[in-house]
Amino acid sequence: MTVQNIALIAGILLLIIFFNLFIRIYNKLVMLKNNYEKAFRNIDVILMQRADEVPELVKVVSKFMEHETAMLTSLTKLRTDFLNSKTVDEKIENANEFSKAMKNLFAVSENYPTLASNANFLELQKRVSQMEDKIADRREFFNDSVNLYNVGIQEFPNFILAKIAGYKTQSLFDVSPEEKKYDGIQL
């Protein structure tokens, strides 16, 4: 065996090792990206269901709160904005605004004892609350997926391939300051 043959074999082995590393990194990045996208799609399903409840909620509530039309109009606009959102960031922002509006609506409904005891309203409120719980669970899973993705594209040597492939860090589905605020039990 000559030195040239040994060098050729060593070169081929290094090329195979490099190619194998490249494939592993690429596959990891693809898996991480698909996981975070799937996690958001799971949230999106529940957000869509919540948005679909709005027309029913507006119908029931509007019978009781004629002078609260600004709130109902705002809720309907937020639903439309959510349905027209194109990017994940827009959907997250609209979903947070929507959550805030829903909390305001339920808070205002406490001023209407007839509404607060109406069976249709109570059922809608219960369904929306269940969806909010599902959204919270899925938001946690989404944020875990985004965190793994962001770490994955920032690790060495992954960041080199991630930059070449155009992968960018993604935003977490943050809790808005209004959602963090606690005013205590209202009597």
C-alpha atoms as a PDB file:
ATOM      1  CA  MET A   1       0.000   0.000   0.000  1.00  0.00           C
ATOM      2  CA  THR A   2       1.411   3.312  -1.028  1.00  0.00           C
ATOM      3  CA  VAL A   3       1.184   6.633   0.743  1.00  0.00           C
ATOM      4  CA  GLN A   4      -1.150   7.871  -1.988  1.00  0.00           C
ATOM      5  CA  ASN A   5      -3.571   4.984  -1.395  1.00  0.00           C
ATOM      6  CA  ILE A   6      -3.511   5.584   2.361  1.00  0.00           C
ATOM      7  CA  ALA A   7      -4.128   9.298   1.817  1.00  0.00           C
ATOM      8  CA  LEU A   8      -6.977   8.508  -0.601  1.00  0.00           C
ATOM      9  CA  ILE A   9      -8.600   6.086   1.857  1.00  0.00           C
ATOM     10  CA  ALA A  10      -8.183   8.590   4.714  1.00  0.00           C
ATOM     11  CA  GLY A  11      -9.674  11.327   2.534  1.00  0.00           C
ATOM     12  CA  ILE A  12     -12.649   9.144   1.600  1.00  0.00           C
ATOM     13  CA  LEU A  13     -13.209   8.225   5.270  1.00  0.00           C
ATOM     14  CA  LEU A  14     -13.107  11.893   6.289  1.00  0.00           C
ATOM     15  CA  LEU A  15     -15.538  12.738   3.508  1.00  0.00           C
ATOM     16  CA  ILE A  16     -17.906   9.967   4.646  1.00  0.00           C
ATOM     17  CA  ILE A  17     -17.658  11.142   8.271  1.00  0.00           C
ATOM     18  CA  PHE A  18     -18.313  14.767   7.242  1.00  0.00           C
ATOM     19  CA  PHE A  19     -21.235  13.750   5.015  1.00  0.00           C
ATOM     20  CA  ASN A  20     -22.700  11.614   7.816  1.00  0.00           C
ATOM     21  CA  LEU A  21     -22.398  14.529  10.269  1.00  0.00           C
ATOM     22  CA  PHE A  22     -24.016  16.868   7.738  1.00  0.00           C
ATOM     23  CA  ILE A  23     -26.967  14.490   7.263  1.00  0.00           C
ATOM     24  CA  ARG A  24     -27.451  14.039  11.037  1.00  0.00           C
ATOM     25  CA  ILE A  25     -27.432  17.774  11.672  1.00  0.00           C
ATOM     26  CA  TYR A  26     -29.790  18.469   8.784  1.00  0.00           C
ATOM     27  CA  ASN A  27     -32.224  15.758   9.903  1.00  0.00           C
ATOM     28  CA  LYS A  28     -32.169  17.069  13.475  1.00  0.00           C
ATOM     29  CA  LEU A  29     -32.958  20.595  12.284  1.00  0.00           C
ATOM     30  CA  VAL A  30     -35.814  19.356  10.093  1.00  0.00           C
ATOM     31  CA  MET A  31     -37.251  17.337  13.001  1.00  0.00           C
ATOM     32  CA  LEU A  32     -37.042  20.316  15.366  1.00  0.00           C
ATOM     33  CA  LYS A  33     -38.692  22.662  12.866  1.00  0.00           C
ATOM     34  CA  ASN A  34     -41.487  20.198  12.118  1.00  0.00           C
ATOM     35  CA  ASN A  35     -42.102  19.647  15.852  1.00  0.00           C
ATOM     36  CA  TYR A  36     -42.512  23.339  16.574  1.00  0.00           C
ATOM     37  CA  GLU A  37     -44.758  23.803  13.522  1.00  0.00           C
ATOM     38  CA  LYS A  38     -46.885  20.805  14.576  1.00  0.00           C
ATOM     39  CA  ALA A  39     -47.117  22.195  18.103  1.00  0.00           C
ATOM     40  CA  PHE A  40     -48.456  25.486  16.764  1.00  0.00           C
ATOM     41  CA  ARG A  41     -50.939  23.715  14.489  1.00  0.00           C
ATOM     42  CA  ASN A  42     -52.267  21.935  17.587  1.00  0.00           C
ATOM     43  CA  ILE A  43     -52.794  25.299  19.273  1.00  0.00           C
ATOM     44  CA  ASP A  44     -54.258  26.720  16.071  1.00  0.00           C
ATOM     45  CA  VAL A  45     -56.999  24.062  16.079  1.00  0.00           C
ATOM     46  CA  ILE A  46     -58.164  25.095  19.545  1.00  0.00           C
ATOM     47  CA  LEU A  47     -57.829  28.800  18.751  1.00  0.00           C
ATOM     48  CA  MET A  48     -60.005  28.242  15.686  1.00  0.00           C
ATOM     49  CA  GLN A  49     -62.598  26.396  17.764  1.00  0.00           C
ATOM     50  CA  ARG A  50     -62.610  29.277  20.220  1.00  0.00           C
ATOM     51  CA  ALA A  51     -63.006  31.760  17.376  1.00  0.00           C
ATOM     52  CA  ASP A  52     -65.911  29.707  16.030  1.00  0.00           C
ATOM     53  CA  GLU A  53     -67.681  30.048  19.395  1.00  0.00           C
ATOM     54  CA  VAL A  54     -67.693  33.843  19.166  1.00  0.00           C
ATOM     55  CA  PRO A  55     -70.749  34.231  16.887  1.00  0.00           C
ATOM     56  CA  GLU A  56     -72.805  32.096  19.292  1.00  0.00           C
ATOM     57  CA  LEU A  57     -71.475  33.956  22.288  1.00  0.00           C
ATOM     58  CA  VAL A  58     -72.181  37.333  20.678  1.00  0.00           C
ATOM     59  CA  LYS A  59     -75.707  36.197  19.796  1.00  0.00           C
ATOM     60  CA  VAL A  60     -76.511  35.177  23.369  1.00  0.00           C
ATOM     61  CA  VAL A  61     -74.791  38.094  25.047  1.00  0.00           C
ATOM     62  CA  SER A  62     -76.117  40.771  22.689  1.00  0.00           C
ATOM     63  CA  LYS A  63     -79.681  40.020  23.793  1.00  0.00           C
ATOM     64  CA  PHE A  64     -78.721  40.984  27.317  1.00  0.00           C
ATOM     65  CA  MET A  65     -76.186  43.772  26.835  1.00  0.00           C
ATOM     66  CA  GLU A  66     -77.489  46.188  24.244  1.00  0.00           C
ATOM     67  CA  HIS A  67     -75.235  49.023  25.431  1.00  0.00           C
ATOM     68  CA  GLU A  68     -72.088  46.846  25.430  1.00  0.00           C
ATOM     69  CA  THR A  69     -71.981  46.782  21.631  1.00  0.00           C
ATOM     70  CA  ALA A  70     -68.446  48.208  21.516  1.00  0.00           C
ATOM     71  CA  MET A  71     -67.150  45.153  23.373  1.00  0.00           C
ATOM     72  CA  LEU A  72     -69.074  42.761  21.143  1.00  0.00           C
ATOM     73  CA  THR A  73     -67.888  44.587  18.024  1.00  0.00           C
ATOM     74  CA  SER A  74     -64.318  44.411  19.290  1.00  0.00           C
ATOM     75  CA  LEU A  75     -64.649  40.679  19.942  1.00  0.00           C
ATOM     76  CA  THR A  76     -65.987  40.108  16.439  1.00  0.00           C
ATOM     77  CA  LYS A  77     -63.162  42.190  14.940  1.00  0.00           C
ATOM     78  CA  LEU A  78     -60.568  40.230  16.923  1.00  0.00           C
ATOM     79  CA  ARG A  79     -62.059  37.003  15.599  1.00  0.00           C
ATOM     80  CA  THR A  80     -61.786  38.303  12.030  1.00  0.00           C
ATOM     81  CA  ASP A  81     -58.220  39.466  12.651  1.00  0.00           C
ATOM     82  CA  PHE A  82     -57.321  36.025  13.983  1.00  0.00           C
ATOM     83  CA  LEU A  83     -58.897  34.251  11.015  1.00  0.00           C
ATOM     84  CA  ASN A  84     -56.990  36.544   8.609  1.00  0.00           C
ATOM     85  CA  SER A  85     -53.623  36.126  10.375  1.00  0.00           C
ATOM     86  CA  LYS A  86     -50.929  34.827   8.046  1.00  0.00           C
ATOM     87  CA  THR A  87     -47.911  34.245  10.280  1.00  0.00           C
ATOM     88  CA  VAL A  88     -47.435  32.431  13.569  1.00  0.00           C
ATOM     89  CA  ASP A  89     -46.455  35.715  15.248  1.00  0.00           C
ATOM     90  CA  GLU A  90     -49.643  37.425  14.028  1.00  0.00           C
ATOM     91  CA  LYS A  91     -51.761  34.499  15.243  1.00  0.00           C
ATOM     92  CA  ILE A  92     -50.061  34.564  18.642  1.00  0.00           C
ATOM     93  CA  GLU A  93     -50.587  38.323  18.993  1.00  0.00           C
ATOM     94  CA  ASN A  94     -54.241  38.068  17.924  1.00  0.00           C
ATOM     95  CA  ALA A  95     -54.840  35.075  20.198  1.00  0.00           C
ATOM     96  CA  ASN A  96     -53.489  37.025  23.186  1.00  0.00           C
ATOM     97  CA  GLU A  97     -55.737  40.004  22.367  1.00  0.00           C
ATOM     98  CA  PHE A  98     -58.656  37.620  21.932  1.00  0.00           C
ATOM     99  CA  SER A  99     -58.006  36.067  25.373  1.00  0.00           C
ATOM    100  CA  LYS A 100     -57.976  39.503  26.960  1.00  0.00           C
ATOM    101  CA  ALA A 101     -61.282  40.431  25.292  1.00  0.00           C
ATOM    102  CA  MET A 102     -62.897  37.166  26.389  1.00  0.00           C
ATOM    103  CA  LYS A 103     -61.868  37.794  30.005  1.00  0.00           C
ATOM    104  CA  ASN A 104     -63.343  41.301  29.790  1.00  0.00           C
ATOM    105  CA  LEU A 105     -66.567  39.900  28.373  1.00  0.00           C
ATOM    106  CA  PHE A 106     -66.923  37.360  31.169  1.00  0.00           C
ATOM    107  CA  ALA A 107     -66.084  40.030  33.753  1.00  0.00           C
ATOM    108  CA  VAL A 108     -68.744  42.382  32.347  1.00  0.00           C
ATOM    109  CA  SER A 109     -71.275  39.540  32.266  1.00  0.00           C
ATOM    110  CA  GLU A 110     -71.115  39.441  36.068  1.00  0.00           C
ATOM    111  CA  ASN A 111     -72.977  42.772  36.019  1.00  0.00           C
ATOM    112  CA  TYR A 112     -75.910  41.030  34.324  1.00  0.00           C
ATOM    113  CA  PRO A 113     -77.360  38.450  36.722  1.00  0.00           C
ATOM    114  CA  THR A 114     -79.910  37.284  34.145  1.00  0.00           C
ATOM    115  CA  LEU A 115     -77.147  36.686  31.612  1.00  0.00           C
ATOM    116  CA  ALA A 116     -74.826  35.077  34.144  1.00  0.00           C
ATOM    117  CA  SER A 117     -77.535  32.532  34.964  1.00  0.00           C
ATOM    118  CA  ASN A 118     -78.671  31.967  31.345  1.00  0.00           C
ATOM    119  CA  ALA A 119     -78.164  28.290  30.394  1.00  0.00           C
ATOM    120  CA  ASN A 120     -76.892  29.084  26.879  1.00  0.00           C
ATOM    121  CA  PHE A 121     -74.396  31.596  28.217  1.00  0.00           C
ATOM    122  CA  LEU A 122     -73.228  29.243  30.948  1.00  0.00           C
ATOM    123  CA  GLU A 123     -72.709  26.434  28.428  1.00  0.00           C
ATOM    124  CA  LEU A 124     -70.757  28.736  26.084  1.00  0.00           C
ATOM    125  CA  GLN A 125     -68.713  30.062  28.985  1.00  0.00           C
ATOM    126  CA  LYS A 126     -67.929  26.505  30.066  1.00  0.00           C
ATOM    127  CA  ARG A 127     -66.855  25.494  26.522  1.00  0.00           C
ATOM    128  CA  VAL A 128     -64.666  28.581  26.155  1.00  0.00           C
ATOM    129  CA  SER A 129     -63.094  27.898  29.570  1.00  0.00           C
ATOM    130  CA  GLN A 130     -62.331  24.320  28.548  1.00  0.00           C
ATOM    131  CA  MET A 131     -60.741  25.608  25.345  1.00  0.00           C
ATOM    132  CA  GLU A 132     -58.682  28.111  27.319  1.00  0.00           C
ATOM    133  CA  ASP A 133     -57.371  25.220  29.439  1.00  0.00           C
ATOM    134  CA  LYS A 134     -56.472  23.266  26.290  1.00  0.00           C
ATOM    135  CA  ILE A 135     -54.782  26.345  24.826  1.00  0.00           C
ATOM    136  CA  ALA A 136     -52.708  26.721  28.004  1.00  0.00           C
ATOM    137  CA  ASP A 137     -51.601  23.069  27.803  1.00  0.00           C
ATOM    138  CA  ARG A 138     -50.764  23.309  24.134  1.00  0.00           C
ATOM    139  CA  ARG A 139     -49.044  26.658  24.617  1.00  0.00           C
ATOM    140  CA  GLU A 140     -46.695  24.966  27.071  1.00  0.00           C
ATOM    141  CA  PHE A 141     -45.952  22.172  24.573  1.00  0.00           C
ATOM    142  CA  PHE A 142     -45.477  24.735  21.781  1.00  0.00           C
ATOM    143  CA  ASN A 143     -43.059  26.778  23.880  1.00  0.00           C
ATOM    144  CA  ASP A 144     -41.081  23.616  24.705  1.00  0.00           C
ATOM    145  CA  SER A 145     -40.909  22.778  20.999  1.00  0.00           C
ATOM    146  CA  VAL A 146     -39.850  26.314  20.059  1.00  0.00           C
ATOM    147  CA  ASN A 147     -37.216  26.301  22.782  1.00  0.00           C
ATOM    148  CA  LEU A 148     -35.746  22.988  21.523  1.00  0.00           C
ATOM    149  CA  TYR A 149     -35.821  24.330  17.959  1.00  0.00           C
ATOM    150  CA  ASN A 150     -34.134  27.618  18.916  1.00  0.00           C
ATOM    151  CA  VAL A 151     -31.441  25.797  20.916  1.00  0.00           C
ATOM    152  CA  GLY A 152     -30.989  23.307  18.068  1.00  0.00           C
ATOM    153  CA  ILE A 153     -30.328  26.000  15.476  1.00  0.00           C
ATOM    154  CA  GLN A 154     -27.973  27.882  17.786  1.00  0.00           C
ATOM    155  CA  GLU A 155     -25.773  24.925  18.815  1.00  0.00           C
ATOM    156  CA  PHE A 156     -22.385  24.349  17.265  1.00  0.00           C
ATOM    157  CA  PRO A 157     -22.017  23.080  14.559  1.00  0.00           C
ATOM    158  CA  ASN A 158     -25.770  23.137  13.823  1.00  0.00           C
ATOM    159  CA  PHE A 159     -25.874  26.925  13.530  1.00  0.00           C
ATOM    160  CA  ILE A 160     -23.677  26.801  10.424  1.00  0.00           C
ATOM    161  CA  LEU A 161     -26.111  24.599   8.518  1.00  0.00           C
ATOM    162  CA  ALA A 162     -29.123  26.386  10.052  1.00  0.00           C
ATOM    163  CA  LYS A 163     -27.830  29.737   8.802  1.00  0.00           C
ATOM    164  CA  ILE A 164     -27.210  28.312   5.317  1.00  0.00           C
ATOM    165  CA  ALA A 165     -30.704  26.775   5.265  1.00  0.00           C
ATOM    166  CA  GLY A 166     -32.297  30.055   6.425  1.00  0.00           C
ATOM    167  CA  TYR A 167     -33.587  28.796   9.772  1.00  0.00           C
ATOM    168  CA  LYS A 168     -34.444  31.651  12.134  1.00  0.00           C
ATOM    169  CA  THR A 169     -35.254  31.671  15.831  1.00  0.00           C
ATOM    170  CA  GLN A 170     -38.963  31.599  16.583  1.00  0.00           C
ATOM    171  CA  SER A 171     -41.000  33.504  19.156  1.00  0.00           C
ATOM    172  CA  LEU A 172     -42.500  31.838  22.180  1.00  0.00           C
ATOM    173  CA  PHE A 173     -46.238  32.028  22.798  1.00  0.00           C
ATOM    174  CA  ASP A 174     -45.870  34.439  25.706  1.00  0.00           C
ATOM    175  CA  VAL A 175     -48.454  35.187  28.337  1.00  0.00           C
ATOM    176  CA  SER A 176     -49.569  38.791  28.038  1.00  0.00           C
ATOM    177  CA  PRO A 177     -49.195  41.156  31.017  1.00  0.00           C
ATOM    178  CA  GLU A 178     -53.003  41.256  31.311  1.00  0.00           C
ATOM    179  CA  GLU A 179     -53.121  37.477  31.712  1.00  0.00           C
ATOM    180  CA  LYS A 180     -50.489  37.656  34.470  1.00  0.00           C
ATOM    181  CA  LYS A 181     -52.385  40.340  36.358  1.00  0.00           C
ATOM    182  CA  TYR A 182     -54.389  39.135  39.359  1.00  0.00           C
ATOM    183  CA  ASP A 183     -56.928  41.496  40.872  1.00  0.00           C
ATOM    184  CA  GLY A 184     -57.965  39.157  43.678  1.00  0.00           C
ATOM    185  CA  ILE A 185     -61.380  37.692  44.226  1.00  0.00           C
ATOM    186  CA  GLN A 186     -64.119  40.161  43.355  1.00  0.00           C
ATOM    187  CA  LEU A 187     -67.180  40.119  45.588  1.00  0.00           C
END
